[in-house]
């Protein structure tokens, strides 16, 4: 039985791929876990973030607050080193409403 012309190249390509040794196939490198897990909360004009680092590597976290009013200054907290199995609390505030809050991570 003869294969149709359009199917023959596909069959040969699949057969060659399956014959490759296991070491020749590429694999993805698994990245080392990094970064604390952070939860943020806004209460009125105050912003609070709790960051817990479950990993073995040190993480430097910083709280950023964007205020809603144009005249209200946006704030960034001082960086805090979060060691393995450590939970830290970051706080900040605006004079009036808070527009957005986020936490940045950095390797020390």
PDB file of N, CA and C in Angstrom:
ATOM      1  N   UNK A   1       0.842  -1.166   0.000  1.00  0.00           N
ATOM      2  CA  UNK A   1       0.000   0.000   0.000  1.00  0.00           C
ATOM      3  C   UNK A   1       0.893   1.236   0.000  1.00  0.00           C
ATOM      4  N   UNK A   2       0.563   2.163  -0.818  1.00  0.00           N
ATOM      5  CA  UNK A   2       1.368   3.358  -0.973  1.00  0.00           C
ATOM      6  C   UNK A   2       0.646   4.551  -0.339  1.00  0.00           C
ATOM      7  N   UNK A   3       1.413   5.385   0.433  1.00  0.00           N
ATOM      8  CA  UNK A   3       0.826   6.545   1.092  1.00  0.00           C
ATOM      9  C   UNK A   3       0.651   7.676   0.091  1.00  0.00           C
ATOM     10  N   UNK A   4      -0.335   8.514   0.293  1.00  0.00           N
ATOM     11  CA  UNK A   4      -0.479   9.690  -0.573  1.00  0.00           C
ATOM     12  C   UNK A   4       0.751  10.591  -0.442  1.00  0.00           C
ATOM     13  N   UNK A   5       1.033  11.365  -1.472  1.00  0.00           N
ATOM     14  CA  UNK A   5       2.244  12.189  -1.503  1.00  0.00           C
ATOM     15  C   UNK A   5       2.280  13.216  -0.369  1.00  0.00           C
ATOM     16  N   UNK A   6       1.156  13.789   0.029  1.00  0.00           N
ATOM     17  CA  UNK A   6       1.150  14.815   1.073  1.00  0.00           C
ATOM     18  C   UNK A   6       1.362  14.214   2.461  1.00  0.00           C
ATOM     19  N   UNK A   7       1.063  12.945   2.650  1.00  0.00           N
ATOM     20  CA  UNK A   7       1.184  12.312   3.957  1.00  0.00           C
ATOM     21  C   UNK A   7       2.562  11.698   4.172  1.00  0.00           C
ATOM     22  N   UNK A   8       3.271  11.376   3.111  1.00  0.00           N
ATOM     23  CA  UNK A   8       4.573  10.716   3.236  1.00  0.00           C
ATOM     24  C   UNK A   8       5.608  11.577   3.966  1.00  0.00           C
ATOM     25  N   UNK A   9       5.808  12.860   3.657  1.00  0.00           N
ATOM     26  CA  UNK A   9       6.800  13.657   4.391  1.00  0.00           C
ATOM     27  C   UNK A   9       6.463  13.797   5.881  1.00  0.00           C
ATOM     28  N   UNK A  10       5.195  13.887   6.183  1.00  0.00           N
ATOM     29  CA  UNK A  10       4.781  14.006   7.584  1.00  0.00           C
ATOM     30  C   UNK A  10       5.109  12.724   8.335  1.00  0.00           C
ATOM     31  N   UNK A  11       4.871  11.593   7.735  1.00  0.00           N
ATOM     32  CA  UNK A  11       5.163  10.308   8.369  1.00  0.00           C
ATOM     33  C   UNK A  11       6.657  10.152   8.615  1.00  0.00           C
ATOM     34  N   UNK A  12       7.481  10.547   7.653  1.00  0.00           N
ATOM     35  CA  UNK A  12       8.931  10.455   7.811  1.00  0.00           C
ATOM     36  C   UNK A  12       9.401  11.391   8.931  1.00  0.00           C
ATOM     37  N   UNK A  13       8.872  12.594   9.002  1.00  0.00           N
ATOM     38  CA  UNK A  13       9.269  13.546  10.043  1.00  0.00           C
ATOM     39  C   UNK A  13       8.911  13.031  11.431  1.00  0.00           C
ATOM     40  N   UNK A  14       7.737  12.454  11.588  1.00  0.00           N
ATOM     41  CA  UNK A  14       7.327  11.900  12.883  1.00  0.00           C
ATOM     42  C   UNK A  14       8.212  10.721  13.260  1.00  0.00           C
ATOM     43  N   UNK A  15       8.531   9.862  12.307  1.00  0.00           N
ATOM     44  CA  UNK A  15       9.379   8.701  12.591  1.00  0.00           C
ATOM     45  C   UNK A  15      10.778   9.135  13.013  1.00  0.00           C
ATOM     46  N   UNK A  16      11.344  10.158  12.364  1.00  0.00           N
ATOM     47  CA  UNK A  16      12.669  10.646  12.741  1.00  0.00           C
ATOM     48  C   UNK A  16      12.658  11.304  14.121  1.00  0.00           C
ATOM     49  N   UNK A  17      11.603  12.020  14.434  1.00  0.00           N
ATOM     50  CA  UNK A  17      11.499  12.660  15.745  1.00  0.00           C
ATOM     51  C   UNK A  17      11.425  11.626  16.857  1.00  0.00           C
ATOM     52  N   UNK A  18      10.687  10.555  16.626  1.00  0.00           N
ATOM     53  CA  UNK A  18      10.551   9.514  17.643  1.00  0.00           C
ATOM     54  C   UNK A  18      11.831   8.708  17.810  1.00  0.00           C
ATOM     55  N   UNK A  19      12.692   8.709  16.812  1.00  0.00           N
ATOM     56  CA  UNK A  19      13.940   7.949  16.894  1.00  0.00           C
ATOM     57  C   UNK A  19      15.071   8.713  17.573  1.00  0.00           C
ATOM     58  N   UNK A  20      14.886  10.002  17.857  1.00  0.00           N
ATOM     59  CA  UNK A  20      15.933  10.783  18.513  1.00  0.00           C
ATOM     60  C   UNK A  20      16.207  10.237  19.909  1.00  0.00           C
ATOM     61  N   UNK A  21      17.471  10.245  20.331  1.00  0.00           N
ATOM     62  CA  UNK A  21      17.756   9.825  21.705  1.00  0.00           C
ATOM     63  C   UNK A  21      17.160  10.822  22.699  1.00  0.00           C
ATOM     64  N   UNK A  22      16.886  10.368  23.895  1.00  0.00           N
ATOM     65  CA  UNK A  22      16.235  11.195  24.911  1.00  0.00           C
ATOM     66  C   UNK A  22      17.078  12.420  25.261  1.00  0.00           C
ATOM     67  N   UNK A  23      18.405  12.285  25.287  1.00  0.00           N
ATOM     68  CA  UNK A  23      19.277  13.387  25.651  1.00  0.00           C
ATOM     69  C   UNK A  23      19.266  14.496  24.603  1.00  0.00           C
ATOM     70  N   UNK A  24      18.890  14.189  23.392  1.00  0.00           N
ATOM     71  CA  UNK A  24      18.910  15.184  22.326  1.00  0.00           C
ATOM     72  C   UNK A  24      17.677  16.082  22.353  1.00  0.00           C
ATOM     73  N   UNK A  25      16.653  15.693  23.059  1.00  0.00           N
ATOM     74  CA  UNK A  25      15.452  16.517  23.097  1.00  0.00           C
ATOM     75  C   UNK A  25      15.657  17.659  24.089  1.00  0.00           C
ATOM     76  N   UNK A  26      15.269  18.874  23.728  1.00  0.00           N
ATOM     77  CA  UNK A  26      15.460  20.010  24.633  1.00  0.00           C
ATOM     78  C   UNK A  26      14.497  19.940  25.810  1.00  0.00           C
ATOM     79  N   UNK A  27      14.925  20.487  26.935  1.00  0.00           N
ATOM     80  CA  UNK A  27      14.052  20.543  28.098  1.00  0.00           C
ATOM     81  C   UNK A  27      14.157  21.935  28.712  1.00  0.00           C
ATOM     82  N   UNK A  28      13.123  22.327  29.383  1.00  0.00           N
ATOM     83  CA  UNK A  28      13.093  23.653  29.992  1.00  0.00           C
ATOM     84  C   UNK A  28      13.779  23.615  31.347  1.00  0.00           C
ATOM     85  N   UNK A  29      14.581  24.620  31.589  1.00  0.00           N
ATOM     86  CA  UNK A  29      15.249  24.735  32.893  1.00  0.00           C
ATOM     87  C   UNK A  29      14.238  25.287  33.897  1.00  0.00           C
ATOM     88  N   UNK A  30      14.125  24.639  35.024  1.00  0.00           N
ATOM     89  CA  UNK A  30      13.193  25.070  36.054  1.00  0.00           C
ATOM     90  C   UNK A  30      13.850  26.188  36.858  1.00  0.00           C
ATOM     91  N   UNK A  31      13.175  27.315  36.922  1.00  0.00           N
ATOM     92  CA  UNK A  31      13.721  28.460  37.642  1.00  0.00           C
ATOM     93  C   UNK A  31      13.602  28.249  39.150  1.00  0.00           C
ATOM     94  N   UNK A  32      14.592  28.767  39.864  1.00  0.00           N
ATOM     95  CA  UNK A  32      14.562  28.696  41.321  1.00  0.00           C
ATOM     96  C   UNK A  32      13.459  29.628  41.826  1.00  0.00           C
ATOM     97  N   UNK A  33      12.612  29.168  42.746  1.00  0.00           N
ATOM     98  CA  UNK A  33      11.529  30.034  43.218  1.00  0.00           C
ATOM     99  C   UNK A  33      12.084  31.273  43.916  1.00  0.00           C
ATOM    100  N   UNK A  34      11.446  32.413  43.666  1.00  0.00           N
ATOM    101  CA  UNK A  34      11.899  33.670  44.255  1.00  0.00           C
ATOM    102  C   UNK A  34      10.693  34.556  44.520  1.00  0.00           C
ATOM    103  N   UNK A  35      10.765  35.311  45.560  1.00  0.00           N
ATOM    104  CA  UNK A  35       9.772  36.339  45.824  1.00  0.00           C
ATOM    105  C   UNK A  35       8.827  35.987  46.948  1.00  0.00           C
ATOM    106  N   UNK A  36       8.557  36.989  47.757  1.00  0.00           N
ATOM    107  CA  UNK A  36       7.601  36.833  48.841  1.00  0.00           C
ATOM    108  C   UNK A  36       6.186  36.929  48.283  1.00  0.00           C
ATOM    109  N   UNK A  37       5.257  36.278  48.960  1.00  0.00           N
ATOM    110  CA  UNK A  37       3.842  36.364  48.601  1.00  0.00           C
ATOM    111  C   UNK A  37       3.241  37.503  49.412  1.00  0.00           C
ATOM    112  N   UNK A  38       2.640  38.477  48.723  1.00  0.00           N
ATOM    113  CA  UNK A  38       2.154  39.678  49.401  1.00  0.00           C
ATOM    114  C   UNK A  38       0.649  39.842  49.237  1.00  0.00           C
ATOM    115  N   UNK A  39       0.014  40.314  50.306  1.00  0.00           N
ATOM    116  CA  UNK A  39      -1.408  40.660  50.295  1.00  0.00           C
ATOM    117  C   UNK A  39      -1.521  42.135  50.658  1.00  0.00           C
ATOM    118  N   UNK A  40      -2.279  42.894  49.871  1.00  0.00           N
ATOM    119  CA  UNK A  40      -2.450  44.320  50.143  1.00  0.00           C
ATOM    120  C   UNK A  40      -3.892  44.593  50.539  1.00  0.00           C
ATOM    121  N   UNK A  41      -4.053  45.655  51.347  1.00  0.00           N
ATOM    122  CA  UNK A  41      -5.385  46.047  51.794  1.00  0.00           C
ATOM    123  C   UNK A  41      -5.407  47.564  51.925  1.00  0.00           C
ATOM    124  N   UNK A  42      -6.520  48.167  51.519  1.00  0.00           N
ATOM    125  CA  UNK A  42      -6.698  49.610  51.635  1.00  0.00           C
ATOM    126  C   UNK A  42      -7.863  49.867  52.575  1.00  0.00           C
ATOM    127  N   UNK A  43      -7.629  50.697  53.591  1.00  0.00           N
ATOM    128  CA  UNK A  43      -8.672  51.108  54.530  1.00  0.00           C
ATOM    129  C   UNK A  43      -8.674  52.627  54.584  1.00  0.00           C
ATOM    130  N   UNK A  44      -9.614  53.242  53.873  1.00  0.00           N
ATOM    131  CA  UNK A  44      -9.670  54.698  53.822  1.00  0.00           C
ATOM    132  C   UNK A  44      -8.449  55.265  53.122  1.00  0.00           C
ATOM    133  N   UNK A  45      -7.656  56.045  53.863  1.00  0.00           N
ATOM    134  CA  UNK A  45      -6.454  56.638  53.275  1.00  0.00           C
ATOM    135  C   UNK A  45      -5.193  55.847  53.620  1.00  0.00           C
ATOM    136  N   UNK A  46      -5.354  54.718  54.309  1.00  0.00           N
ATOM    137  CA  UNK A  46      -4.209  53.893  54.715  1.00  0.00           C
ATOM    138  C   UNK A  46      -4.094  52.649  53.835  1.00  0.00           C
ATOM    139  N   UNK A  47      -2.864  52.260  53.540  1.00  0.00           N
ATOM    140  CA  UNK A  47      -2.592  51.039  52.776  1.00  0.00           C
ATOM    141  C   UNK A  47      -1.669  50.153  53.606  1.00  0.00           C
ATOM    142  N   UNK A  48      -1.979  48.855  53.629  1.00  0.00           N
ATOM    143  CA  UNK A  48      -1.200  47.888  54.404  1.00  0.00           C
ATOM    144  C   UNK A  48      -0.884  46.706  53.502  1.00  0.00           C
ATOM    145  N   UNK A  49       0.338  46.202  53.600  1.00  0.00           N
ATOM    146  CA  UNK A  49       0.732  45.002  52.857  1.00  0.00           C
ATOM    147  C   UNK A  49       1.429  44.048  53.817  1.00  0.00           C
ATOM    148  N   UNK A  50       1.042  42.781  53.751  1.00  0.00           N
ATOM    149  CA  UNK A  50       1.708  41.720  54.499  1.00  0.00           C
ATOM    150  C   UNK A  50       2.424  40.838  53.486  1.00  0.00           C
ATOM    151  N   UNK A  51       3.719  40.663  53.658  1.00  0.00           N
ATOM    152  CA  UNK A  51       4.512  39.845  52.743  1.00  0.00           C
ATOM    153  C   UNK A  51       5.173  38.709  53.516  1.00  0.00           C
ATOM    154  N   UNK A  52       4.970  37.484  53.042  1.00  0.00           N
ATOM    155  CA  UNK A  52       5.585  36.297  53.643  1.00  0.00           C
ATOM    156  C   UNK A  52       6.484  35.653  52.601  1.00  0.00           C
ATOM    157  N   UNK A  53       7.719  35.347  52.995  1.00  0.00           N
ATOM    158  CA  UNK A  53       8.684  34.742  52.079  1.00  0.00           C
ATOM    159  C   UNK A  53       8.818  33.252  52.392  1.00  0.00           C
ATOM    160  N   UNK A  54       8.224  32.367  51.582  1.00  0.00           N
ATOM    161  CA  UNK A  54       8.332  30.928  51.829  1.00  0.00           C
ATOM    162  C   UNK A  54       9.590  30.307  51.224  1.00  0.00           C
ATOM    163  N   UNK A  55      10.380  31.095  50.508  1.00  0.00           N
ATOM    164  CA  UNK A  55      11.547  30.569  49.794  1.00  0.00           C
ATOM    165  C   UNK A  55      12.825  30.750  50.606  1.00  0.00           C
ATOM    166  N   UNK A  56      13.879  30.070  50.174  1.00  0.00           N
ATOM    167  CA  UNK A  56      15.158  30.135  50.879  1.00  0.00           C
ATOM    168  C   UNK A  56      15.942  31.404  50.553  1.00  0.00           C
ATOM    169  N   UNK A  57      15.648  32.044  49.436  1.00  0.00           N
ATOM    170  CA  UNK A  57      16.384  33.248  49.034  1.00  0.00           C
ATOM    171  C   UNK A  57      15.791  34.494  49.692  1.00  0.00           C
ATOM    172  N   UNK A  58      16.658  35.460  49.966  1.00  0.00           N
ATOM    173  CA  UNK A  58      16.240  36.733  50.547  1.00  0.00           C
ATOM    174  C   UNK A  58      15.502  37.547  49.486  1.00  0.00           C
ATOM    175  N   UNK A  59      14.458  38.283  49.904  1.00  0.00           N
ATOM    176  CA  UNK A  59      13.685  39.133  49.000  1.00  0.00           C
ATOM    177  C   UNK A  59      13.588  40.522  49.621  1.00  0.00           C
ATOM    178  N   UNK A  60      13.815  41.544  48.814  1.00  0.00           N
ATOM    179  CA  UNK A  60      13.693  42.928  49.282  1.00  0.00           C
ATOM    180  C   UNK A  60      12.383  43.478  48.724  1.00  0.00           C
ATOM    181  N   UNK A  61      11.426  43.776  49.608  1.00  0.00           N
ATOM    182  CA  UNK A  61      10.100  44.236  49.188  1.00  0.00           C
ATOM    183  C   UNK A  61       9.942  45.717  49.509  1.00  0.00           C
ATOM    184  N   UNK A  62       9.066  46.363  48.729  1.00  0.00           N
ATOM    185  CA  UNK A  62       8.821  47.795  48.903  1.00  0.00           C
ATOM    186  C   UNK A  62       7.373  48.084  48.520  1.00  0.00           C
ATOM    187  N   UNK A  63       6.686  48.860  49.335  1.00  0.00           N
ATOM    188  CA  UNK A  63       5.286  49.219  49.107  1.00  0.00           C
ATOM    189  C   UNK A  63       5.213  50.531  48.328  1.00  0.00           C
ATOM    190  N   UNK A  64       4.381  50.555  47.288  1.00  0.00           N
ATOM    191  CA  UNK A  64       4.173  51.749  46.467  1.00  0.00           C
ATOM    192  C   UNK A  64       2.699  52.134  46.552  1.00  0.00           C
ATOM    193  N   UNK A  65       2.435  53.405  46.822  1.00  0.00           N
ATOM    194  CA  UNK A  65       1.059  53.892  46.957  1.00  0.00           C
ATOM    195  C   UNK A  65       0.857  55.054  46.001  1.00  0.00           C
ATOM    196  N   UNK A  66      -0.193  54.946  45.184  1.00  0.00           N
ATOM    197  CA  UNK A  66      -0.573  56.032  44.286  1.00  0.00           C
ATOM    198  C   UNK A  66      -1.856  56.648  44.832  1.00  0.00           C
ATOM    199  N   UNK A  67      -1.808  57.939  45.110  1.00  0.00           N
ATOM    200  CA  UNK A  67      -2.947  58.638  45.700  1.00  0.00           C
ATOM    201  C   UNK A  67      -3.902  59.127  44.611  1.00  0.00           C
ATOM    202  N   UNK A  68      -5.186  59.279  44.986  1.00  0.00           N
ATOM    203  CA  UNK A  68      -6.215  59.634  44.013  1.00  0.00           C
ATOM    204  C   UNK A  68      -6.173  61.113  43.629  1.00  0.00           C
ATOM    205  N   UNK A  69      -5.879  61.982  44.563  1.00  0.00           N
ATOM    206  CA  UNK A  69      -5.890  63.423  44.293  1.00  0.00           C
ATOM    207  C   UNK A  69      -4.589  63.867  43.630  1.00  0.00           C
ATOM    208  N   UNK A  70      -4.666  64.814  42.708  1.00  0.00           N
ATOM    209  CA  UNK A  70      -3.482  65.255  41.975  1.00  0.00           C
ATOM    210  C   UNK A  70      -2.486  65.959  42.885  1.00  0.00           C
ATOM    211  N   UNK A  71      -2.977  66.605  43.938  1.00  0.00           N
ATOM    212  CA  UNK A  71      -2.091  67.336  44.835  1.00  0.00           C
ATOM    213  C   UNK A  71      -1.513  66.458  45.946  1.00  0.00           C
ATOM    214  N   UNK A  72      -2.003  65.254  46.067  1.00  0.00           N
ATOM    215  CA  UNK A  72      -1.542  64.335  47.112  1.00  0.00           C
ATOM    216  C   UNK A  72      -0.312  63.579  46.611  1.00  0.00           C
ATOM    217  N   UNK A  73       0.755  63.572  47.382  1.00  0.00           N
ATOM    218  CA  UNK A  73       2.007  62.957  46.948  1.00  0.00           C
ATOM    219  C   UNK A  73       1.939  61.435  47.002  1.00  0.00           C
ATOM    220  N   UNK A  74       2.358  60.784  45.922  1.00  0.00           N
ATOM    221  CA  UNK A  74       2.489  59.323  45.921  1.00  0.00           C
ATOM    222  C   UNK A  74       3.685  58.950  46.794  1.00  0.00           C
ATOM    223  N   UNK A  75       3.607  57.789  47.443  1.00  0.00           N
ATOM    224  CA  UNK A  75       4.677  57.408  48.370  1.00  0.00           C
ATOM    225  C   UNK A  75       5.227  56.028  48.051  1.00  0.00           C
ATOM    226  N   UNK A  76       6.488  55.843  48.385  1.00  0.00           N
ATOM    227  CA  UNK A  76       7.168  54.552  48.300  1.00  0.00           C
ATOM    228  C   UNK A  76       7.806  54.300  49.661  1.00  0.00           C
ATOM    229  N   UNK A  77       7.606  53.111  50.188  1.00  0.00           N
ATOM    230  CA  UNK A  77       8.201  52.796  51.488  1.00  0.00           C
ATOM    231  C   UNK A  77       9.682  52.481  51.328  1.00  0.00           C
ATOM    232  N   UNK A  78      10.364  52.445  52.436  1.00  0.00           N
ATOM    233  CA  UNK A  78      11.766  52.028  52.426  1.00  0.00           C
ATOM    234  C   UNK A  78      11.823  50.535  52.132  1.00  0.00           C
ATOM    235  N   UNK A  79      12.851  50.056  51.436  1.00  0.00           N
ATOM    236  CA  UNK A  79      12.943  48.619  51.159  1.00  0.00           C
ATOM    237  C   UNK A  79      13.173  47.834  52.448  1.00  0.00           C
ATOM    238  N   UNK A  80      12.504  46.675  52.537  1.00  0.00           N
ATOM    239  CA  UNK A  80      12.622  45.807  53.708  1.00  0.00           C
ATOM    240  C   UNK A  80      13.087  44.436  53.240  1.00  0.00           C
ATOM    241  N   UNK A  81      14.165  43.930  53.836  1.00  0.00           N
ATOM    242  CA  UNK A  81      14.660  42.592  53.509  1.00  0.00           C
ATOM    243  C   UNK A  81      13.801  41.554  54.214  1.00  0.00           C
ATOM    244  N   UNK A  82      13.277  40.619  53.425  1.00  0.00           N
ATOM    245  CA  UNK A  82      12.438  39.555  53.952  1.00  0.00           C
ATOM    246  C   UNK A  82      13.196  38.249  53.822  1.00  0.00           C
ATOM    247  N   UNK A  83      13.596  37.696  54.944  1.00  0.00           N
ATOM    248  CA  UNK A  83      14.349  36.448  54.950  1.00  0.00           C
ATOM    249  C   UNK A  83      13.445  35.242  54.778  1.00  0.00           C
ATOM    250  N   UNK A  84      14.023  34.057  54.747  1.00  0.00           N
ATOM    251  CA  UNK A  84      13.233  32.837  54.625  1.00  0.00           C
ATOM    252  C   UNK A  84      12.289  32.667  55.817  1.00  0.00           C
ATOM    253  N   UNK A  85      11.046  32.321  55.542  1.00  0.00           N
ATOM    254  CA  UNK A  85      10.012  32.062  56.552  1.00  0.00           C
ATOM    255  C   UNK A  85       9.747  33.274  57.440  1.00  0.00           C
ATOM    256  N   UNK A  86       9.865  34.473  56.879  1.00  0.00           N
ATOM    257  CA  UNK A  86       9.624  35.704  57.627  1.00  0.00           C
ATOM    258  C   UNK A  86       8.443  36.438  57.003  1.00  0.00           C
ATOM    259  N   UNK A  87       7.596  37.031  57.865  1.00  0.00           N
ATOM    260  CA  UNK A  87       6.486  37.858  57.414  1.00  0.00           C
ATOM    261  C   UNK A  87       6.742  39.290  57.858  1.00  0.00           C
ATOM    262  N   UNK A  88       6.584  40.239  56.933  1.00  0.00           N
ATOM    263  CA  UNK A  88       6.775  41.654  57.258  1.00  0.00           C
ATOM    264  C   UNK A  88       5.493  42.411  56.957  1.00  0.00           C
ATOM    265  N   UNK A  89       5.328  43.549  57.642  1.00  0.00           N
ATOM    266  CA  UNK A  89       4.163  44.411  57.447  1.00  0.00           C
ATOM    267  C   UNK A  89       4.663  45.752  56.934  1.00  0.00           C
ATOM    268  N   UNK A  90       4.116  46.198  55.810  1.00  0.00           N
ATOM    269  CA  UNK A  90       4.469  47.483  55.216  1.00  0.00           C
ATOM    270  C   UNK A  90       3.234  48.377  55.259  1.00  0.00           C
ATOM    271  N   UNK A  91       3.399  49.624  55.664  1.00  0.00           N
ATOM    272  CA  UNK A  91       2.262  50.539  55.745  1.00  0.00           C
ATOM    273  C   UNK A  91       2.613  51.867  55.098  1.00  0.00           C
ATOM    274  N   UNK A  92       1.579  52.580  54.693  1.00  0.00           N
ATOM    275  CA  UNK A  92       1.725  53.913  54.127  1.00  0.00           C
ATOM    276  C   UNK A  92       0.355  54.551  54.033  1.00  0.00           C
ATOM    277  N   UNK A  93       0.329  55.837  53.667  1.00  0.00           N
ATOM    278  CA  UNK A  93      -0.960  56.508  53.589  1.00  0.00           C
ATOM    279  C   UNK A  93      -0.916  57.682  52.633  1.00  0.00           C
ATOM    280  N   UNK A  94      -2.111  58.120  52.264  1.00  0.00           N
ATOM    281  CA  UNK A  94      -2.317  59.353  51.512  1.00  0.00           C
ATOM    282  C   UNK A  94      -3.087  60.314  52.423  1.00  0.00           C
ATOM    283  N   UNK A  95      -3.190  61.584  52.020  1.00  0.00           N
ATOM    284  CA  UNK A  95      -4.001  62.512  52.796  1.00  0.00           C
ATOM    285  C   UNK A  95      -5.476  62.204  52.606  1.00  0.00           C
ATOM    286  N   UNK A  96      -5.856  61.839  51.396  1.00  0.00           N
ATOM    287  CA  UNK A  96      -7.257  61.513  51.100  1.00  0.00           C
ATOM    288  C   UNK A  96      -7.334  60.069  50.613  1.00  0.00           C
ATOM    289  N   UNK A  97      -7.937  59.833  49.450  1.00  0.00           N
ATOM    290  CA  UNK A  97      -8.170  58.479  48.955  1.00  0.00           C
ATOM    291  C   UNK A  97      -6.916  57.871  48.328  1.00  0.00           C
ATOM    292  N   UNK A  98      -6.863  56.542  48.365  1.00  0.00           N
ATOM    293  CA  UNK A  98      -5.787  55.776  47.730  1.00  0.00           C
ATOM    294  C   UNK A  98      -6.310  55.273  46.390  1.00  0.00           C
ATOM    295  N   UNK A  99      -5.563  55.510  45.316  1.00  0.00           N
ATOM    296  CA  UNK A  99      -5.971  55.029  43.994  1.00  0.00           C
ATOM    297  C   UNK A  99      -5.508  53.593  43.767  1.00  0.00           C
ATOM    298  N   UNK A 100      -4.228  53.308  44.005  1.00  0.00           N
ATOM    299  CA  UNK A 100      -3.717  51.946  43.793  1.00  0.00           C
ATOM    300  C   UNK A 100      -2.538  51.678  44.714  1.00  0.00           C
ATOM    301  N   UNK A 101      -2.334  50.386  44.980  1.00  0.00           N
ATOM    302  CA  UNK A 101      -1.259  49.927  45.862  1.00  0.00           C
ATOM    303  C   UNK A 101      -0.620  48.714  45.216  1.00  0.00           C
ATOM    304  N   UNK A 102       0.720  48.633  45.233  1.00  0.00           N
ATOM    305  CA  UNK A 102       1.406  47.445  44.753  1.00  0.00           C
ATOM    306  C   UNK A 102       2.723  47.281  45.492  1.00  0.00           C
ATOM    307  N   UNK A 103       3.259  46.077  45.419  1.00  0.00           N
ATOM    308  CA  UNK A 103       4.514  45.743  46.088  1.00  0.00           C
ATOM    309  C   UNK A 103       5.520  45.337  45.022  1.00  0.00           C
ATOM    310  N   UNK A 104       6.744  45.873  45.120  1.00  0.00           N
ATOM    311  CA  UNK A 104       7.800  45.475  44.190  1.00  0.00           C
ATOM    312  C   UNK A 104       8.782  44.562  44.911  1.00  0.00           C
ATOM    313  N   UNK A 105       9.421  43.679  44.145  1.00  0.00           N
ATOM    314  CA  UNK A 105      10.372  42.701  44.673  1.00  0.00           C
ATOM    315  C   UNK A 105      11.726  42.922  44.014  1.00  0.00           C
ATOM    316  N   UNK A 106      12.789  42.708  44.794  1.00  0.00           N
ATOM    317  CA  UNK A 106      14.149  42.880  44.270  1.00  0.00           C
ATOM    318  C   UNK A 106      15.066  41.894  44.980  1.00  0.00           C
ATOM    319  N   UNK A 107      15.988  41.344  44.222  1.00  0.00           N
ATOM    320  CA  UNK A 107      17.003  40.484  44.849  1.00  0.00           C
ATOM    321  C   UNK A 107      18.042  41.379  45.516  1.00  0.00           C
ATOM    322  N   UNK A 108      18.381  41.106  46.787  1.00  0.00           N
ATOM    323  CA  UNK A 108      19.383  41.947  47.472  1.00  0.00           C
ATOM    324  C   UNK A 108      20.779  41.731  46.926  1.00  0.00           C
TER     325      UNK A 108
END
